[in-house]
């Protein structure tokens, strides 16, 4: 049952982030101490390092509204996020990374931007990364152009975090992919359904501990591009089929 006192739920998927967890808790403690009405869900997304032990130790030493959602076996980045999102109780929900390359405090700025919008229930906010290396910008711009041209919706900086949206949007994620294509699906659905899409500038920092799970290395970037390309064309095929069925039915 939802808790009406929770205005905002923050979902952070954590996969083998044991080295980052103490700092994550320190940053979250600063946020939660000064901001009532916020809960955080840390999704232990099938980690194979010492994350479970670190979570247990940290959870035992604080009384802040931080919940740990346990997933026994990793089933993908998107699956971890969706599991946390579906357990969230807030009126609005955000997801971001737990690697601290994206500052969780950016979520508060995005939340304020959403609250000040003309219709928060029909608005989503996404990050827009600043001060990135030229190679990263090249990959981002290329994927944005290809996604937009193929799907017929202008999409930019698809994998930037955070993503912030009203709880009513959760029902629209029932058929969402469970890998890194989730960000693309989310933005495409929002644009297709006429949601106002706002952007919050964020600075993408350097990872201190662990390894990037998405496109942090050249190998990771190429894998992410390959997965995203496959999903773009899969989604376009689905759209064509649905349009064809619609014409046939008439």
C-alpha atoms as a PDB file:
ATOM      1  CA  UNK A   1       0.000   0.000   0.000  1.00  0.00           C
ATOM      2  CA  UNK A   2       1.352   3.431  -0.932  1.00  0.00           C
ATOM      3  CA  UNK A   3       2.449   5.808   1.798  1.00  0.00           C
ATOM      4  CA  UNK A   4       0.784   9.223   1.210  1.00  0.00           C
ATOM      5  CA  UNK A   5       3.596  10.951   3.114  1.00  0.00           C
ATOM      6  CA  UNK A   6       6.140   9.968   0.427  1.00  0.00           C
ATOM      7  CA  UNK A   7       6.290  12.613  -2.285  1.00  0.00           C
ATOM      8  CA  UNK A   8       9.341  11.298  -4.122  1.00  0.00           C
ATOM      9  CA  UNK A   9      10.874   7.842  -4.464  1.00  0.00           C
ATOM     10  CA  UNK A  10      14.464   7.551  -5.710  1.00  0.00           C
ATOM     11  CA  UNK A  11      15.473   4.199  -7.232  1.00  0.00           C
ATOM     12  CA  UNK A  12      19.179   3.398  -7.566  1.00  0.00           C
ATOM     13  CA  UNK A  13      20.152   0.003  -9.025  1.00  0.00           C
ATOM     14  CA  UNK A  14      23.365  -1.313  -7.463  1.00  0.00           C
ATOM     15  CA  UNK A  15      25.315  -4.084  -9.161  1.00  0.00           C
ATOM     16  CA  UNK A  16      28.696  -4.877  -7.555  1.00  0.00           C
ATOM     17  CA  UNK A  17      28.926  -1.419  -6.003  1.00  0.00           C
ATOM     18  CA  UNK A  18      30.334  -2.520  -2.615  1.00  0.00           C
ATOM     19  CA  UNK A  19      33.168   0.018  -2.821  1.00  0.00           C
ATOM     20  CA  UNK A  20      30.755   2.885  -3.555  1.00  0.00           C
ATOM     21  CA  UNK A  21      28.071   2.034  -0.998  1.00  0.00           C
ATOM     22  CA  UNK A  22      29.494   3.896   2.048  1.00  0.00           C
ATOM     23  CA  UNK A  23      29.762   7.111   0.029  1.00  0.00           C
ATOM     24  CA  UNK A  24      26.320   6.564  -1.489  1.00  0.00           C
ATOM     25  CA  UNK A  25      24.867   6.337   2.015  1.00  0.00           C
ATOM     26  CA  UNK A  26      26.764   9.469   3.068  1.00  0.00           C
ATOM     27  CA  UNK A  27      25.346  11.478   0.144  1.00  0.00           C
ATOM     28  CA  UNK A  28      21.856  10.083   0.686  1.00  0.00           C
ATOM     29  CA  UNK A  29      22.016  10.858   4.396  1.00  0.00           C
ATOM     30  CA  UNK A  30      22.719  14.501   3.566  1.00  0.00           C
ATOM     31  CA  UNK A  31      19.758  14.585   1.165  1.00  0.00           C
ATOM     32  CA  UNK A  32      17.275  12.766   3.384  1.00  0.00           C
ATOM     33  CA  UNK A  33      18.140  14.647   6.561  1.00  0.00           C
ATOM     34  CA  UNK A  34      17.194  17.957   4.963  1.00  0.00           C
ATOM     35  CA  UNK A  35      14.404  16.810   2.642  1.00  0.00           C
ATOM     36  CA  UNK A  36      11.332  15.205   4.248  1.00  0.00           C
ATOM     37  CA  UNK A  37       8.926  13.183   2.130  1.00  0.00           C
ATOM     38  CA  UNK A  38      11.617  11.310   0.187  1.00  0.00           C
ATOM     39  CA  UNK A  39      12.377   7.603   0.228  1.00  0.00           C
ATOM     40  CA  UNK A  40      15.299   5.817  -1.434  1.00  0.00           C
ATOM     41  CA  UNK A  41      15.219   2.290  -2.806  1.00  0.00           C
ATOM     42  CA  UNK A  42      18.637   0.752  -3.331  1.00  0.00           C
ATOM     43  CA  UNK A  43      18.246  -2.304  -5.545  1.00  0.00           C
ATOM     44  CA  UNK A  44      20.887  -4.933  -4.856  1.00  0.00           C
ATOM     45  CA  UNK A  45      20.688  -6.162  -8.430  1.00  0.00           C
ATOM     46  CA  UNK A  46      22.077  -9.679  -8.065  1.00  0.00           C
ATOM     47  CA  UNK A  47      25.503  -8.451  -6.947  1.00  0.00           C
ATOM     48  CA  UNK A  48      28.283 -11.048  -6.758  1.00  0.00           C
ATOM     49  CA  UNK A  49      30.707  -8.972  -4.663  1.00  0.00           C
ATOM     50  CA  UNK A  50      30.408  -8.165  -0.942  1.00  0.00           C
ATOM     51  CA  UNK A  51      27.450  -5.798  -1.460  1.00  0.00           C
ATOM     52  CA  UNK A  52      25.011  -7.818   0.674  1.00  0.00           C
ATOM     53  CA  UNK A  53      27.295  -7.658   3.715  1.00  0.00           C
ATOM     54  CA  UNK A  54      27.968  -3.949   3.202  1.00  0.00           C
ATOM     55  CA  UNK A  55      24.248  -3.243   2.826  1.00  0.00           C
ATOM     56  CA  UNK A  56      23.504  -5.128   6.054  1.00  0.00           C
ATOM     57  CA  UNK A  57      26.152  -3.178   7.949  1.00  0.00           C
ATOM     58  CA  UNK A  58      25.051   0.210   6.632  1.00  0.00           C
ATOM     59  CA  UNK A  59      21.339  -0.461   7.133  1.00  0.00           C
ATOM     60  CA  UNK A  60      22.021  -1.359  10.765  1.00  0.00           C
ATOM     61  CA  UNK A  61      23.656   1.998  11.489  1.00  0.00           C
ATOM     62  CA  UNK A  62      21.023   4.492  10.323  1.00  0.00           C
ATOM     63  CA  UNK A  63      17.307   5.256  10.679  1.00  0.00           C
ATOM     64  CA  UNK A  64      16.797   7.085   7.374  1.00  0.00           C
ATOM     65  CA  UNK A  65      14.079   6.101   4.846  1.00  0.00           C
ATOM     66  CA  UNK A  66      16.373   3.891   2.753  1.00  0.00           C
ATOM     67  CA  UNK A  67      15.066   0.495   1.686  1.00  0.00           C
ATOM     68  CA  UNK A  68      17.155  -2.261   0.132  1.00  0.00           C
ATOM     69  CA  UNK A  69      15.388  -4.303  -2.535  1.00  0.00           C
ATOM     70  CA  UNK A  70      17.100  -7.671  -3.018  1.00  0.00           C
ATOM     71  CA  UNK A  71      17.287  -9.453  -6.369  1.00  0.00           C
ATOM     72  CA  UNK A  72      18.913 -12.868  -6.090  1.00  0.00           C
ATOM     73  CA  UNK A  73      20.186 -13.085  -9.671  1.00  0.00           C
ATOM     74  CA  UNK A  74      20.951 -10.231 -12.036  1.00  0.00           C
ATOM     75  CA  UNK A  75      18.450 -10.191 -14.897  1.00  0.00           C
ATOM     76  CA  UNK A  76      19.533  -6.927 -16.468  1.00  0.00           C
ATOM     77  CA  UNK A  77      19.896  -3.223 -15.730  1.00  0.00           C
ATOM     78  CA  UNK A  78      16.291  -2.531 -16.708  1.00  0.00           C
ATOM     79  CA  UNK A  79      14.956  -5.377 -14.582  1.00  0.00           C
ATOM     80  CA  UNK A  80      16.677  -3.939 -11.520  1.00  0.00           C
ATOM     81  CA  UNK A  81      15.228  -0.490 -12.120  1.00  0.00           C
ATOM     82  CA  UNK A  82      11.735  -1.781 -12.840  1.00  0.00           C
ATOM     83  CA  UNK A  83      11.773  -3.918  -9.679  1.00  0.00           C
ATOM     84  CA  UNK A  84      12.605  -0.834  -7.626  1.00  0.00           C
ATOM     85  CA  UNK A  85      10.104   1.359  -9.459  1.00  0.00           C
ATOM     86  CA  UNK A  86       7.279  -1.096  -8.815  1.00  0.00           C
ATOM     87  CA  UNK A  87       8.114  -1.165  -5.104  1.00  0.00           C
ATOM     88  CA  UNK A  88       8.187   2.645  -4.854  1.00  0.00           C
ATOM     89  CA  UNK A  89       5.517   4.442  -2.834  1.00  0.00           C
ATOM     90  CA  UNK A  90       6.073   8.054  -3.885  1.00  0.00           C
ATOM     91  CA  UNK A  91       3.757  10.312  -5.853  1.00  0.00           C
ATOM     92  CA  UNK A  92       6.707  10.832  -8.192  1.00  0.00           C
ATOM     93  CA  UNK A  93       9.526   8.404  -8.972  1.00  0.00           C
ATOM     94  CA  UNK A  94      13.077   8.861 -10.210  1.00  0.00           C
ATOM     95  CA  UNK A  95      15.799   6.478 -11.216  1.00  0.00           C
ATOM     96  CA  UNK A  96      19.491   7.145 -11.634  1.00  0.00           C
ATOM     97  CA  UNK A  97      22.851   5.392 -11.330  1.00  0.00           C
ATOM     98  CA  UNK A  98      24.444   4.341  -8.038  1.00  0.00           C
ATOM     99  CA  UNK A  99      28.032   4.791  -9.254  1.00  0.00           C
ATOM    100  CA  UNK A 100      28.082   8.489  -8.211  1.00  0.00           C
ATOM    101  CA  UNK A 101      29.042   9.573 -11.726  1.00  0.00           C
ATOM    102  CA  UNK A 102      25.586  11.133 -11.613  1.00  0.00           C
ATOM    103  CA  UNK A 103      25.093  13.058  -8.363  1.00  0.00           C
ATOM    104  CA  UNK A 104      21.882  11.981  -6.569  1.00  0.00           C
ATOM    105  CA  UNK A 105      21.381  15.655  -5.690  1.00  0.00           C
ATOM    106  CA  UNK A 106      20.627  16.266  -9.372  1.00  0.00           C
ATOM    107  CA  UNK A 107      17.378  14.397  -8.768  1.00  0.00           C
ATOM    108  CA  UNK A 108      16.238  17.116  -6.356  1.00  0.00           C
ATOM    109  CA  UNK A 109      16.836  19.807  -8.995  1.00  0.00           C
ATOM    110  CA  UNK A 110      14.927  17.724 -11.544  1.00  0.00           C
ATOM    111  CA  UNK A 111      12.100  17.220  -9.051  1.00  0.00           C
ATOM    112  CA  UNK A 112      11.817  20.961  -8.448  1.00  0.00           C
ATOM    113  CA  UNK A 113      11.678  21.536 -12.217  1.00  0.00           C
ATOM    114  CA  UNK A 114       8.885  18.966 -12.542  1.00  0.00           C
ATOM    115  CA  UNK A 115       6.893  20.454  -9.651  1.00  0.00           C
ATOM    116  CA  UNK A 116       7.041  23.895 -11.260  1.00  0.00           C
ATOM    117  CA  UNK A 117       5.813  22.614 -14.627  1.00  0.00           C
ATOM    118  CA  UNK A 118       2.318  23.487 -15.821  1.00  0.00           C
ATOM    119  CA  UNK A 119       1.075  19.882 -15.473  1.00  0.00           C
ATOM    120  CA  UNK A 120       3.357  17.654 -13.343  1.00  0.00           C
ATOM    121  CA  UNK A 121       1.149  14.606 -14.008  1.00  0.00           C
ATOM    122  CA  UNK A 122       1.911  14.849 -17.725  1.00  0.00           C
ATOM    123  CA  UNK A 123       5.579  15.794 -17.419  1.00  0.00           C
ATOM    124  CA  UNK A 124       8.806  13.805 -17.280  1.00  0.00           C
ATOM    125  CA  UNK A 125      12.308  15.125 -16.634  1.00  0.00           C
ATOM    126  CA  UNK A 126      15.569  13.643 -17.880  1.00  0.00           C
ATOM    127  CA  UNK A 127      19.202  14.549 -17.390  1.00  0.00           C
ATOM    128  CA  UNK A 128      21.330  16.214 -20.046  1.00  0.00           C
ATOM    129  CA  UNK A 129      25.033  15.565 -19.525  1.00  0.00           C
ATOM    130  CA  UNK A 130      27.498  18.442 -19.689  1.00  0.00           C
ATOM    131  CA  UNK A 131      31.308  18.696 -19.927  1.00  0.00           C
ATOM    132  CA  UNK A 132      31.768  15.235 -21.435  1.00  0.00           C
ATOM    133  CA  UNK A 133      34.693  14.035 -23.595  1.00  0.00           C
ATOM    134  CA  UNK A 134      34.237  14.602 -27.337  1.00  0.00           C
ATOM    135  CA  UNK A 135      34.187  10.859 -28.060  1.00  0.00           C
ATOM    136  CA  UNK A 136      31.331  10.345 -25.639  1.00  0.00           C
ATOM    137  CA  UNK A 137      29.440  13.256 -27.198  1.00  0.00           C
ATOM    138  CA  UNK A 138      29.992  11.715 -30.625  1.00  0.00           C
ATOM    139  CA  UNK A 139      28.468   8.398 -29.577  1.00  0.00           C
ATOM    140  CA  UNK A 140      25.564  10.143 -27.834  1.00  0.00           C
ATOM    141  CA  UNK A 141      24.762  12.409 -30.788  1.00  0.00           C
ATOM    142  CA  UNK A 142      25.000   9.545 -33.264  1.00  0.00           C
ATOM    143  CA  UNK A 143      22.646   7.350 -31.281  1.00  0.00           C
ATOM    144  CA  UNK A 144      20.232  10.250 -30.783  1.00  0.00           C
ATOM    145  CA  UNK A 145      20.120  10.984 -34.515  1.00  0.00           C
ATOM    146  CA  UNK A 146      19.625   7.336 -35.468  1.00  0.00           C
ATOM    147  CA  UNK A 147      16.965   6.731 -32.804  1.00  0.00           C
ATOM    148  CA  UNK A 148      15.050   9.848 -33.767  1.00  0.00           C
ATOM    149  CA  UNK A 149      15.212   9.173 -37.515  1.00  0.00           C
ATOM    150  CA  UNK A 150      14.157   5.544 -37.118  1.00  0.00           C
ATOM    151  CA  UNK A 151      11.370   5.982 -34.564  1.00  0.00           C
ATOM    152  CA  UNK A 152       9.997   9.353 -35.649  1.00  0.00           C
ATOM    153  CA  UNK A 153      10.416  10.998 -32.249  1.00  0.00           C
ATOM    154  CA  UNK A 154      13.192  13.437 -31.364  1.00  0.00           C
ATOM    155  CA  UNK A 155      15.264  11.824 -28.611  1.00  0.00           C
ATOM    156  CA  UNK A 156      18.494  13.247 -27.192  1.00  0.00           C
ATOM    157  CA  UNK A 157      21.075  11.988 -24.678  1.00  0.00           C
ATOM    158  CA  UNK A 158      18.986   8.871 -24.185  1.00  0.00           C
ATOM    159  CA  UNK A 159      21.037   7.294 -21.403  1.00  0.00           C
ATOM    160  CA  UNK A 160      21.488  10.455 -19.329  1.00  0.00           C
ATOM    161  CA  UNK A 161      20.238  10.280 -15.745  1.00  0.00           C
ATOM    162  CA  UNK A 162      18.119  10.933 -13.827  1.00  0.00           C
ATOM    163  CA  UNK A 163      14.719   9.971 -15.226  1.00  0.00           C
ATOM    164  CA  UNK A 164      11.808  11.437 -13.223  1.00  0.00           C
ATOM    165  CA  UNK A 165       8.088  10.882 -13.748  1.00  0.00           C
ATOM    166  CA  UNK A 166       4.678  10.671 -12.015  1.00  0.00           C
ATOM    167  CA  UNK A 167       3.690   7.343 -10.463  1.00  0.00           C
ATOM    168  CA  UNK A 168       0.871   7.008 -12.998  1.00  0.00           C
ATOM    169  CA  UNK A 169       3.553   6.439 -15.654  1.00  0.00           C
ATOM    170  CA  UNK A 170       4.566   3.121 -14.039  1.00  0.00           C
ATOM    171  CA  UNK A 171       1.645   1.326 -15.725  1.00  0.00           C
ATOM    172  CA  UNK A 172       3.133   2.330 -19.098  1.00  0.00           C
ATOM    173  CA  UNK A 173       6.298   0.360 -18.328  1.00  0.00           C
ATOM    174  CA  UNK A 174       4.606  -3.059 -18.276  1.00  0.00           C
ATOM    175  CA  UNK A 175       6.186  -4.084 -21.593  1.00  0.00           C
ATOM    176  CA  UNK A 176       9.494  -2.308 -21.039  1.00  0.00           C
ATOM    177  CA  UNK A 177      12.768  -4.094 -21.902  1.00  0.00           C
ATOM    178  CA  UNK A 178      14.874  -5.346 -19.012  1.00  0.00           C
ATOM    179  CA  UNK A 179      18.302  -4.316 -20.337  1.00  0.00           C
ATOM    180  CA  UNK A 180      19.935  -0.959 -21.089  1.00  0.00           C
ATOM    181  CA  UNK A 181      17.248  -0.268 -23.716  1.00  0.00           C
ATOM    182  CA  UNK A 182      14.898   0.739 -20.883  1.00  0.00           C
ATOM    183  CA  UNK A 183      15.960   4.402 -21.148  1.00  0.00           C
ATOM    184  CA  UNK A 184      15.103   4.472 -24.858  1.00  0.00           C
ATOM    185  CA  UNK A 185      11.734   2.794 -24.259  1.00  0.00           C
ATOM    186  CA  UNK A 186      10.903   5.247 -21.459  1.00  0.00           C
ATOM    187  CA  UNK A 187      11.635   8.353 -23.528  1.00  0.00           C
ATOM    188  CA  UNK A 188       9.912   7.008 -26.626  1.00  0.00           C
ATOM    189  CA  UNK A 189       6.739   6.198 -24.669  1.00  0.00           C
ATOM    190  CA  UNK A 190       6.733   9.624 -23.015  1.00  0.00           C
ATOM    191  CA  UNK A 191       7.077  11.441 -26.347  1.00  0.00           C
ATOM    192  CA  UNK A 192       4.561   9.205 -28.131  1.00  0.00           C
ATOM    193  CA  UNK A 193       1.932   9.778 -25.439  1.00  0.00           C
ATOM    194  CA  UNK A 194       2.361  13.552 -25.426  1.00  0.00           C
ATOM    195  CA  UNK A 195       4.154  14.050 -22.131  1.00  0.00           C
ATOM    196  CA  UNK A 196       6.076  17.279 -21.737  1.00  0.00           C
ATOM    197  CA  UNK A 197       9.774  16.363 -21.700  1.00  0.00           C
ATOM    198  CA  UNK A 198      12.031  18.662 -19.674  1.00  0.00           C
ATOM    199  CA  UNK A 199      15.805  18.423 -19.259  1.00  0.00           C
ATOM    200  CA  UNK A 200      18.004  19.010 -16.238  1.00  0.00           C
ATOM    201  CA  UNK A 201      21.676  19.794 -16.857  1.00  0.00           C
ATOM    202  CA  UNK A 202      23.974  17.382 -15.010  1.00  0.00           C
ATOM    203  CA  UNK A 203      27.728  16.988 -14.823  1.00  0.00           C
ATOM    204  CA  UNK A 204      28.815  13.423 -15.483  1.00  0.00           C
ATOM    205  CA  UNK A 205      31.622  12.721 -13.011  1.00  0.00           C
ATOM    206  CA  UNK A 206      34.370  10.132 -12.784  1.00  0.00           C
ATOM    207  CA  UNK A 207      33.715   6.731 -11.256  1.00  0.00           C
ATOM    208  CA  UNK A 208      35.715   6.206  -8.043  1.00  0.00           C
ATOM    209  CA  UNK A 209      35.166   2.485  -7.447  1.00  0.00           C
ATOM    210  CA  UNK A 210      34.189  -0.557  -9.493  1.00  0.00           C
ATOM    211  CA  UNK A 211      33.585  -0.870 -13.213  1.00  0.00           C
ATOM    212  CA  UNK A 212      31.098   0.876 -15.465  1.00  0.00           C
ATOM    213  CA  UNK A 213      28.145  -1.394 -16.300  1.00  0.00           C
ATOM    214  CA  UNK A 214      27.084   0.403 -19.463  1.00  0.00           C
ATOM    215  CA  UNK A 215      29.202   2.459 -21.834  1.00  0.00           C
ATOM    216  CA  UNK A 216      32.099   3.465 -19.605  1.00  0.00           C
ATOM    217  CA  UNK A 217      34.846   1.842 -21.716  1.00  0.00           C
ATOM    218  CA  UNK A 218      35.199   1.637 -25.498  1.00  0.00           C
ATOM    219  CA  UNK A 219      34.172  -2.022 -25.340  1.00  0.00           C
ATOM    220  CA  UNK A 220      31.216  -1.071 -23.166  1.00  0.00           C
ATOM    221  CA  UNK A 221      30.207   1.728 -25.536  1.00  0.00           C
ATOM    222  CA  UNK A 222      30.235  -0.598 -28.527  1.00  0.00           C
ATOM    223  CA  UNK A 223      28.178  -3.223 -26.670  1.00  0.00           C
ATOM    224  CA  UNK A 224      25.697  -0.554 -25.608  1.00  0.00           C
ATOM    225  CA  UNK A 225      25.434   0.751 -29.183  1.00  0.00           C
ATOM    226  CA  UNK A 226      24.887  -2.781 -30.500  1.00  0.00           C
ATOM    227  CA  UNK A 227      22.159  -3.515 -27.951  1.00  0.00           C
ATOM    228  CA  UNK A 228      20.469  -0.173 -28.552  1.00  0.00           C
ATOM    229  CA  UNK A 229      20.551  -0.551 -32.335  1.00  0.00           C
ATOM    230  CA  UNK A 230      18.951  -3.974 -32.070  1.00  0.00           C
ATOM    231  CA  UNK A 231      16.214  -2.592 -29.850  1.00  0.00           C
ATOM    232  CA  UNK A 232      15.587   0.448 -32.085  1.00  0.00           C
ATOM    233  CA  UNK A 233      14.864  -1.778 -35.070  1.00  0.00           C
ATOM    234  CA  UNK A 234      12.886  -4.242 -32.967  1.00  0.00           C
ATOM    235  CA  UNK A 235      10.728  -1.366 -31.737  1.00  0.00           C
ATOM    236  CA  UNK A 236      10.276  -0.009 -35.258  1.00  0.00           C
ATOM    237  CA  UNK A 237       9.191  -3.465 -36.445  1.00  0.00           C
ATOM    238  CA  UNK A 238       6.651  -3.640 -33.617  1.00  0.00           C
ATOM    239  CA  UNK A 239       5.301  -0.215 -34.568  1.00  0.00           C
ATOM    240  CA  UNK A 240       4.977  -1.194 -38.233  1.00  0.00           C
ATOM    241  CA  UNK A 241       3.136  -4.382 -37.314  1.00  0.00           C
ATOM    242  CA  UNK A 242       0.739  -2.542 -35.019  1.00  0.00           C
ATOM    243  CA  UNK A 243       0.043   0.056 -37.715  1.00  0.00           C
ATOM    244  CA  UNK A 244      -0.548  -2.701 -40.260  1.00  0.00           C
ATOM    245  CA  UNK A 245      -2.964  -4.486 -37.948  1.00  0.00           C
ATOM    246  CA  UNK A 246      -4.773  -1.200 -37.303  1.00  0.00           C
ATOM    247  CA  UNK A 247      -5.279  -0.618 -41.054  1.00  0.00           C
ATOM    248  CA  UNK A 248      -6.447  -4.210 -41.572  1.00  0.00           C
ATOM    249  CA  UNK A 249      -9.028  -3.911 -38.795  1.00  0.00           C
ATOM    250  CA  UNK A 250     -10.542  -0.941 -40.597  1.00  0.00           C
END
